[in-house]
Amino acid sequence: MRANQLRLWFASMAYVLVAALRRIGLRHAQFADATARTIRLKLLKIGALVTISVRRIKIAMGISLPLRPRVRLAHALLFNAAR
């Protein structure tokens, strides 16, 4: 019972985060009206190298990412909204 409740919480929080990403980070992109599944498949399921140090987390994406400008725009909009 508790495991199912935990999975439900994780799924709910993931949906809330994707909805916030769509509302804030993708409002000027082609994914402004996309479903959560489309955003996950096109933007979030990409190969990246994650390096964690004491003070920061670095995410290095490949140069050949076709949607790289949209990912950068979404990152900039999210970063400015968090300030």
PDB file of N, CA and C in Angstrom:
ATOM      1  N   MET A   1       0.815  -1.192   0.000  1.00  0.00           N
ATOM      2  CA  MET A   1       0.000   0.000   0.000  1.00  0.00           C
ATOM      3  C   MET A   1       0.864   1.264   0.000  1.00  0.00           C
ATOM      4  N   ARG A   2       1.886   1.281   0.852  1.00  0.00           N
ATOM      5  CA  ARG A   2       2.752   2.465   0.913  1.00  0.00           C
ATOM      6  C   ARG A   2       3.557   2.662  -0.363  1.00  0.00           C
ATOM      7  N   ALA A   3       3.975   1.570  -0.971  1.00  0.00           N
ATOM      8  CA  ALA A   3       4.735   1.677  -2.222  1.00  0.00           C
ATOM      9  C   ALA A   3       3.876   2.288  -3.318  1.00  0.00           C
ATOM     10  N   ASN A   4       2.621   1.907  -3.395  1.00  0.00           N
ATOM     11  CA  ASN A   4       1.726   2.486  -4.393  1.00  0.00           C
ATOM     12  C   ASN A   4       1.489   3.962  -4.126  1.00  0.00           C
ATOM     13  N   GLN A   5       1.353   4.323  -2.862  1.00  0.00           N
ATOM     14  CA  GLN A   5       1.153   5.725  -2.511  1.00  0.00           C
ATOM     15  C   GLN A   5       2.387   6.548  -2.886  1.00  0.00           C
ATOM     16  N   LEU A   6       3.573   6.004  -2.644  1.00  0.00           N
ATOM     17  CA  LEU A   6       4.800   6.705  -3.000  1.00  0.00           C
ATOM     18  C   LEU A   6       4.907   6.881  -4.513  1.00  0.00           C
ATOM     19  N   ARG A   7       4.568   5.844  -5.277  1.00  0.00           N
ATOM     20  CA  ARG A   7       4.595   5.965  -6.734  1.00  0.00           C
ATOM     21  C   ARG A   7       3.596   7.004  -7.218  1.00  0.00           C
ATOM     22  N   LEU A   8       2.441   7.070  -6.588  1.00  0.00           N
ATOM     23  CA  LEU A   8       1.447   8.075  -6.941  1.00  0.00           C
ATOM     24  C   LEU A   8       1.967   9.479  -6.668  1.00  0.00           C
ATOM     25  N   TRP A   9       2.643   9.670  -5.542  1.00  0.00           N
ATOM     26  CA  TRP A   9       3.229  10.980  -5.227  1.00  0.00           C
ATOM     27  C   TRP A   9       4.291  11.365  -6.251  1.00  0.00           C
ATOM     28  N   PHE A  10       5.155  10.409  -6.595  1.00  0.00           N
ATOM     29  CA  PHE A  10       6.196  10.694  -7.581  1.00  0.00           C
ATOM     30  C   PHE A  10       5.590  11.063  -8.934  1.00  0.00           C
ATOM     31  N   ALA A  11       4.591  10.321  -9.366  1.00  0.00           N
ATOM     32  CA  ALA A  11       3.954  10.609 -10.646  1.00  0.00           C
ATOM     33  C   ALA A  11       3.255  11.966 -10.607  1.00  0.00           C
ATOM     34  N   SER A  12       2.622  12.294  -9.500  1.00  0.00           N
ATOM     35  CA  SER A  12       1.944  13.588  -9.370  1.00  0.00           C
ATOM     36  C   SER A  12       2.936  14.733  -9.400  1.00  0.00           C
ATOM     37  N   MET A  13       4.034  14.604  -8.685  1.00  0.00           N
ATOM     38  CA  MET A  13       5.047  15.662  -8.674  1.00  0.00           C
ATOM     39  C   MET A  13       5.711  15.804 -10.043  1.00  0.00           C
ATOM     40  N   ALA A  14       5.937  14.701 -10.719  1.00  0.00           N
ATOM     41  CA  ALA A  14       6.520  14.773 -12.061  1.00  0.00           C
ATOM     42  C   ALA A  14       5.581  15.506 -13.008  1.00  0.00           C
ATOM     43  N   TYR A  15       4.285  15.233 -12.906  1.00  0.00           N
ATOM     44  CA  TYR A  15       3.327  15.920 -13.770  1.00  0.00           C
ATOM     45  C   TYR A  15       3.277  17.409 -13.454  1.00  0.00           C
ATOM     46  N   VAL A  16       3.334  17.765 -12.181  1.00  0.00           N
ATOM     47  CA  VAL A  16       3.327  19.182 -11.798  1.00  0.00           C
ATOM     48  C   VAL A  16       4.579  19.882 -12.332  1.00  0.00           C
ATOM     49  N   LEU A  17       5.725  19.214 -12.256  1.00  0.00           N
ATOM     50  CA  LEU A  17       6.963  19.810 -12.774  1.00  0.00           C
ATOM     51  C   LEU A  17       6.923  19.975 -14.290  1.00  0.00           C
ATOM     52  N   VAL A  18       6.395  18.993 -15.006  1.00  0.00           N
ATOM     53  CA  VAL A  18       6.294  19.099 -16.467  1.00  0.00           C
ATOM     54  C   VAL A  18       5.290  20.182 -16.847  1.00  0.00           C
ATOM     55  N   ALA A  19       4.202  20.298 -16.094  1.00  0.00           N
ATOM     56  CA  ALA A  19       3.225  21.354 -16.373  1.00  0.00           C
ATOM     57  C   ALA A  19       3.844  22.734 -16.141  1.00  0.00           C
ATOM     58  N   ALA A  20       4.659  22.877 -15.094  1.00  0.00           N
ATOM     59  CA  ALA A  20       5.347  24.149 -14.855  1.00  0.00           C
ATOM     60  C   ALA A  20       6.371  24.426 -15.952  1.00  0.00           C
ATOM     61  N   LEU A  21       7.068  23.398 -16.400  1.00  0.00           N
ATOM     62  CA  LEU A  21       8.016  23.559 -17.504  1.00  0.00           C
ATOM     63  C   LEU A  21       7.287  24.026 -18.753  1.00  0.00           C
ATOM     64  N   ARG A  22       6.140  23.446 -19.034  1.00  0.00           N
ATOM     65  CA  ARG A  22       5.356  23.847 -20.205  1.00  0.00           C
ATOM     66  C   ARG A  22       4.868  25.282 -20.065  1.00  0.00           C
ATOM     67  N   ARG A  23       4.375  25.638 -18.879  1.00  0.00           N
ATOM     68  CA  ARG A  23       3.796  26.958 -18.667  1.00  0.00           C
ATOM     69  C   ARG A  23       4.851  28.067 -18.658  1.00  0.00           C
ATOM     70  N   ILE A  24       6.006  27.812 -18.056  1.00  0.00           N
ATOM     71  CA  ILE A  24       7.025  28.851 -17.910  1.00  0.00           C
ATOM     72  C   ILE A  24       8.107  28.745 -18.983  1.00  0.00           C
ATOM     73  N   GLY A  25       8.686  27.565 -19.141  1.00  0.00           N
ATOM     74  CA  GLY A  25       9.844  27.416 -20.003  1.00  0.00           C
ATOM     75  C   GLY A  25       9.542  27.234 -21.473  1.00  0.00           C
ATOM     76  N   LEU A  26       8.360  26.752 -21.797  1.00  0.00           N
ATOM     77  CA  LEU A  26       8.057  26.444 -23.193  1.00  0.00           C
ATOM     78  C   LEU A  26       6.932  27.289 -23.753  1.00  0.00           C
ATOM     79  N   ARG A  27       6.649  28.406 -23.135  1.00  0.00           N
ATOM     80  CA  ARG A  27       5.503  29.209 -23.581  1.00  0.00           C
ATOM     81  C   ARG A  27       5.724  29.839 -24.950  1.00  0.00           C
ATOM     82  N   HIS A  28       6.972  30.029 -25.375  1.00  0.00           N
ATOM     83  CA  HIS A  28       7.257  30.638 -26.673  1.00  0.00           C
ATOM     84  C   HIS A  28       7.737  29.613 -27.700  1.00  0.00           C
ATOM     85  N   ALA A  29       7.695  28.350 -27.364  1.00  0.00           N
ATOM     86  CA  ALA A  29       8.213  27.316 -28.261  1.00  0.00           C
ATOM     87  C   ALA A  29       7.062  26.529 -28.880  1.00  0.00           C
ATOM     88  N   GLN A  30       7.424  25.605 -29.743  1.00  0.00           N
ATOM     89  CA  GLN A  30       6.413  24.781 -30.388  1.00  0.00           C
ATOM     90  C   GLN A  30       5.771  23.804 -29.414  1.00  0.00           C
ATOM     91  N   PHE A  31       6.349  23.630 -28.238  1.00  0.00           N
ATOM     92  CA  PHE A  31       5.829  22.697 -27.252  1.00  0.00           C
ATOM     93  C   PHE A  31       4.938  23.374 -26.221  1.00  0.00           C
ATOM     94  N   ALA A  32       4.447  24.556 -26.481  1.00  0.00           N
ATOM     95  CA  ALA A  32       3.607  25.273 -25.520  1.00  0.00           C
ATOM     96  C   ALA A  32       2.298  24.545 -25.257  1.00  0.00           C
ATOM     97  N   ASP A  33       1.776  23.839 -26.236  1.00  0.00           N
ATOM     98  CA  ASP A  33       0.526  23.098 -26.075  1.00  0.00           C
ATOM     99  C   ASP A  33       0.739  21.583 -26.102  1.00  0.00           C
ATOM    100  N   ALA A  34       1.982  21.154 -25.939  1.00  0.00           N
ATOM    101  CA  ALA A  34       2.293  19.726 -26.033  1.00  0.00           C
ATOM    102  C   ALA A  34       1.844  18.994 -24.769  1.00  0.00           C
ATOM    103  N   THR A  35       1.636  17.699 -24.935  1.00  0.00           N
ATOM    104  CA  THR A  35       1.279  16.873 -23.787  1.00  0.00           C
ATOM    105  C   THR A  35       2.534  16.566 -22.966  1.00  0.00           C
ATOM    106  N   ALA A  36       2.319  16.075 -21.764  1.00  0.00           N
ATOM    107  CA  ALA A  36       3.447  15.723 -20.896  1.00  0.00           C
ATOM    108  C   ALA A  36       4.290  14.616 -21.536  1.00  0.00           C
ATOM    109  N   ARG A  37       3.649  13.687 -22.220  1.00  0.00           N
ATOM    110  CA  ARG A  37       4.373  12.601 -22.884  1.00  0.00           C
ATOM    111  C   ARG A  37       5.284  13.127 -23.991  1.00  0.00           C
ATOM    112  N   THR A  38       4.785  14.066 -24.787  1.00  0.00           N
ATOM    113  CA  THR A  38       5.584  14.633 -25.872  1.00  0.00           C
ATOM    114  C   THR A  38       6.776  15.391 -25.320  1.00  0.00           C
ATOM    115  N   ILE A  39       6.583  16.164 -24.275  1.00  0.00           N
ATOM    116  CA  ILE A  39       7.691  16.908 -23.664  1.00  0.00           C
ATOM    117  C   ILE A  39       8.734  15.942 -23.125  1.00  0.00           C
ATOM    118  N   ARG A  40       8.277  14.877 -22.498  1.00  0.00           N
ATOM    119  CA  ARG A  40       9.208  13.886 -21.955  1.00  0.00           C
ATOM    120  C   ARG A  40      10.007  13.220 -23.061  1.00  0.00           C
ATOM    121  N   LEU A  41       9.342  12.840 -24.151  1.00  0.00           N
ATOM    122  CA  LEU A  41      10.031  12.140 -25.230  1.00  0.00           C
ATOM    123  C   LEU A  41      10.960  13.043 -26.024  1.00  0.00           C
ATOM    124  N   LYS A  42      10.551  14.281 -26.279  1.00  0.00           N
ATOM    125  CA  LYS A  42      11.330  15.159 -27.150  1.00  0.00           C
ATOM    126  C   LYS A  42      12.406  15.952 -26.408  1.00  0.00           C
ATOM    127  N   LEU A  43      12.148  16.364 -25.175  1.00  0.00           N
ATOM    128  CA  LEU A  43      13.071  17.254 -24.481  1.00  0.00           C
ATOM    129  C   LEU A  43      13.795  16.617 -23.296  1.00  0.00           C
ATOM    130  N   LEU A  44      13.140  15.750 -22.578  1.00  0.00           N
ATOM    131  CA  LEU A  44      13.733  15.246 -21.345  1.00  0.00           C
ATOM    132  C   LEU A  44      14.506  13.948 -21.526  1.00  0.00           C
ATOM    133  N   LYS A  45      14.159  13.152 -22.499  1.00  0.00           N
ATOM    134  CA  LYS A  45      14.851  11.885 -22.722  1.00  0.00           C
ATOM    135  C   LYS A  45      15.990  12.083 -23.712  1.00  0.00           C
ATOM    136  N   ILE A  46      16.997  12.789 -23.278  1.00  0.00           N
ATOM    137  CA  ILE A  46      18.175  13.032 -24.109  1.00  0.00           C
ATOM    138  C   ILE A  46      19.391  12.526 -23.354  1.00  0.00           C
ATOM    139  N   GLY A  47      20.410  12.184 -24.091  1.00  0.00           N
ATOM    140  CA  GLY A  47      21.647  11.738 -23.469  1.00  0.00           C
ATOM    141  C   GLY A  47      22.439  12.920 -22.947  1.00  0.00           C
ATOM    142  N   ALA A  48      22.936  12.799 -21.743  1.00  0.00           N
ATOM    143  CA  ALA A  48      23.722  13.870 -21.147  1.00  0.00           C
ATOM    144  C   ALA A  48      24.714  13.270 -20.157  1.00  0.00           C
ATOM    145  N   LEU A  49      25.776  13.991 -19.932  1.00  0.00           N
ATOM    146  CA  LEU A  49      26.770  13.612 -18.944  1.00  0.00           C
ATOM    147  C   LEU A  49      26.574  14.513 -17.731  1.00  0.00           C
ATOM    148  N   VAL A  50      26.287  13.937 -16.587  1.00  0.00           N
ATOM    149  CA  VAL A  50      26.035  14.695 -15.367  1.00  0.00           C
ATOM    150  C   VAL A  50      27.245  14.554 -14.462  1.00  0.00           C
ATOM    151  N   THR A  51      27.832  15.688 -14.074  1.00  0.00           N
ATOM    152  CA  THR A  51      28.974  15.718 -13.174  1.00  0.00           C
ATOM    153  C   THR A  51      28.563  16.464 -11.910  1.00  0.00           C
ATOM    154  N   ILE A  52      28.702  15.813 -10.785  1.00  0.00           N
ATOM    155  CA  ILE A  52      28.300  16.409  -9.513  1.00  0.00           C
ATOM    156  C   ILE A  52      29.549  16.705  -8.699  1.00  0.00           C
ATOM    157  N   SER A  53      29.678  17.962  -8.283  1.00  0.00           N
ATOM    158  CA  SER A  53      30.762  18.346  -7.388  1.00  0.00           C
ATOM    159  C   SER A  53      30.147  18.873  -6.096  1.00  0.00           C
ATOM    160  N   VAL A  54      30.957  19.416  -5.247  1.00  0.00           N
ATOM    161  CA  VAL A  54      30.471  19.888  -3.951  1.00  0.00           C
ATOM    162  C   VAL A  54      29.519  21.071  -4.118  1.00  0.00           C
ATOM    163  N   ARG A  55      29.811  21.968  -5.038  1.00  0.00           N
ATOM    164  CA  ARG A  55      29.051  23.207  -5.149  1.00  0.00           C
ATOM    165  C   ARG A  55      28.105  23.290  -6.328  1.00  0.00           C
ATOM    166  N   ARG A  56      28.245  22.435  -7.309  1.00  0.00           N
ATOM    167  CA  ARG A  56      27.395  22.572  -8.502  1.00  0.00           C
ATOM    168  C   ARG A  56      27.175  21.236  -9.184  1.00  0.00           C
ATOM    169  N   ILE A  57      26.181  21.250 -10.022  1.00  0.00           N
ATOM    170  CA  ILE A  57      25.870  20.097 -10.860  1.00  0.00           C
ATOM    171  C   ILE A  57      25.990  20.565 -12.309  1.00  0.00           C
ATOM    172  N   LYS A  58      26.842  19.904 -13.082  1.00  0.00           N
ATOM    173  CA  LYS A  58      27.028  20.250 -14.490  1.00  0.00           C
ATOM    174  C   LYS A  58      26.337  19.201 -15.350  1.00  0.00           C
ATOM    175  N   ILE A  59      25.618  19.683 -16.345  1.00  0.00           N
ATOM    176  CA  ILE A  59      24.959  18.794 -17.300  1.00  0.00           C
ATOM    177  C   ILE A  59      25.508  19.119 -18.681  1.00  0.00           C
ATOM    178  N   ALA A  60      26.197  18.165 -19.281  1.00  0.00           N
ATOM    179  CA  ALA A  60      26.793  18.357 -20.601  1.00  0.00           C
ATOM    180  C   ALA A  60      25.985  17.558 -21.629  1.00  0.00           C
ATOM    181  N   MET A  61      25.351  18.276 -22.557  1.00  0.00           N
ATOM    182  CA  MET A  61      24.581  17.636 -23.614  1.00  0.00           C
ATOM    183  C   MET A  61      25.430  17.550 -24.877  1.00  0.00           C
ATOM    184  N   GLY A  62      25.091  16.621 -25.741  1.00  0.00           N
ATOM    185  CA  GLY A  62      25.801  16.482 -26.996  1.00  0.00           C
ATOM    186  C   GLY A  62      25.532  17.654 -27.931  1.00  0.00           C
ATOM    187  N   ILE A  63      26.465  17.926 -28.812  1.00  0.00           N
ATOM    188  CA  ILE A  63      26.333  19.039 -29.749  1.00  0.00           C
ATOM    189  C   ILE A  63      25.260  18.743 -30.793  1.00  0.00           C
ATOM    190  N   SER A  64      25.045  17.486 -31.109  1.00  0.00           N
ATOM    191  CA  SER A  64      24.124  17.137 -32.188  1.00  0.00           C
ATOM    192  C   SER A  64      22.659  17.073 -31.751  1.00  0.00           C
ATOM    193  N   LEU A  65      22.324  17.601 -30.609  1.00  0.00           N
ATOM    194  CA  LEU A  65      20.934  17.610 -30.148  1.00  0.00           C
ATOM    195  C   LEU A  65      20.110  18.509 -31.067  1.00  0.00           C
ATOM    196  N   PRO A  66      19.092  17.976 -31.761  1.00  0.00           N
ATOM    197  CA  PRO A  66      18.352  18.781 -32.731  1.00  0.00           C
ATOM    198  C   PRO A  66      17.538  19.916 -32.096  1.00  0.00           C
ATOM    199  N   LEU A  67      17.094  19.741 -30.874  1.00  0.00           N
ATOM    200  CA  LEU A  67      16.263  20.760 -30.220  1.00  0.00           C
ATOM    201  C   LEU A  67      17.051  21.605 -29.223  1.00  0.00           C
ATOM    202  N   ARG A  68      18.353  21.689 -29.403  1.00  0.00           N
ATOM    203  CA  ARG A  68      19.211  22.404 -28.458  1.00  0.00           C
ATOM    204  C   ARG A  68      18.803  23.869 -28.248  1.00  0.00           C
ATOM    205  N   PRO A  69      18.463  24.637 -29.285  1.00  0.00           N
ATOM    206  CA  PRO A  69      18.053  26.029 -29.037  1.00  0.00           C
ATOM    207  C   PRO A  69      16.793  26.131 -28.175  1.00  0.00           C
ATOM    208  N   ARG A  70      15.867  25.216 -28.353  1.00  0.00           N
ATOM    209  CA  ARG A  70      14.642  25.246 -27.542  1.00  0.00           C
ATOM    210  C   ARG A  70      14.937  24.875 -26.095  1.00  0.00           C
ATOM    211  N   VAL A  71      15.865  23.931 -25.891  1.00  0.00           N
ATOM    212  CA  VAL A  71      16.245  23.554 -24.528  1.00  0.00           C
ATOM    213  C   VAL A  71      16.936  24.733 -23.847  1.00  0.00           C
ATOM    214  N   ARG A  72      17.798  25.427 -24.568  1.00  0.00           N
ATOM    215  CA  ARG A  72      18.479  26.607 -23.990  1.00  0.00           C
ATOM    216  C   ARG A  72      17.486  27.714 -23.663  1.00  0.00           C
ATOM    217  N   LEU A  73      16.517  27.947 -24.533  1.00  0.00           N
ATOM    218  CA  LEU A  73      15.503  28.966 -24.267  1.00  0.00           C
ATOM    219  C   LEU A  73      14.673  28.594 -23.046  1.00  0.00           C
ATOM    220  N   ALA A  74      14.273  27.336 -22.946  1.00  0.00           N
ATOM    221  CA  ALA A  74      13.507  26.886 -21.782  1.00  0.00           C
ATOM    222  C   ALA A  74      14.318  27.040 -20.503  1.00  0.00           C
ATOM    223  N   HIS A  75      15.611  26.713 -20.570  1.00  0.00           N
ATOM    224  CA  HIS A  75      16.471  26.877 -19.398  1.00  0.00           C
ATOM    225  C   HIS A  75      16.568  28.337 -18.990  1.00  0.00           C
ATOM    226  N   ALA A  76      16.747  29.221 -19.945  1.00  0.00           N
ATOM    227  CA  ALA A  76      16.853  30.647 -19.631  1.00  0.00           C
ATOM    228  C   ALA A  76      15.556  31.179 -19.026  1.00  0.00           C
ATOM    229  N   LEU A  77      14.420  30.788 -19.573  1.00  0.00           N
ATOM    230  CA  LEU A  77      13.143  31.249 -19.032  1.00  0.00           C
ATOM    231  C   LEU A  77      12.898  30.714 -17.626  1.00  0.00           C
ATOM    232  N   LEU A  78      13.246  29.453 -17.393  1.00  0.00           N
ATOM    233  CA  LEU A  78      13.099  28.880 -16.051  1.00  0.00           C
ATOM    234  C   LEU A  78      14.043  29.543 -15.053  1.00  0.00           C
ATOM    235  N   PHE A  79      15.263  29.811 -15.496  1.00  0.00           N
ATOM    236  CA  PHE A  79      16.248  30.450 -14.621  1.00  0.00           C
ATOM    237  C   PHE A  79      15.787  31.855 -14.232  1.00  0.00           C
ATOM    238  N   ASN A  80      15.262  32.614 -15.191  1.00  0.00           N
ATOM    239  CA  ASN A  80      14.783  33.957 -14.885  1.00  0.00           C
ATOM    240  C   ASN A  80      13.524  33.938 -14.023  1.00  0.00           C
ATOM    241  N   ALA A  81      12.688  32.933 -14.193  1.00  0.00           N
ATOM    242  CA  ALA A  81      11.470  32.836 -13.367  1.00  0.00           C
ATOM    243  C   ALA A  81      11.813  32.476 -11.921  1.00  0.00           C
ATOM    244  N   ALA A  82      12.907  31.756 -11.737  1.00  0.00           N
ATOM    245  CA  ALA A  82      13.305  31.348 -10.379  1.00  0.00           C
ATOM    246  C   ALA A  82      13.921  32.489  -9.589  1.00  0.00           C
ATOM    247  N   ARG A  83      14.353  33.514 -10.263  1.00  0.00           N
ATOM    248  CA  ARG A  83      14.993  34.644  -9.560  1.00  0.00           C
ATOM    249  C   ARG A  83      14.011  35.462  -8.828  1.00  0.00           C
TER     250      ARG A  83
END
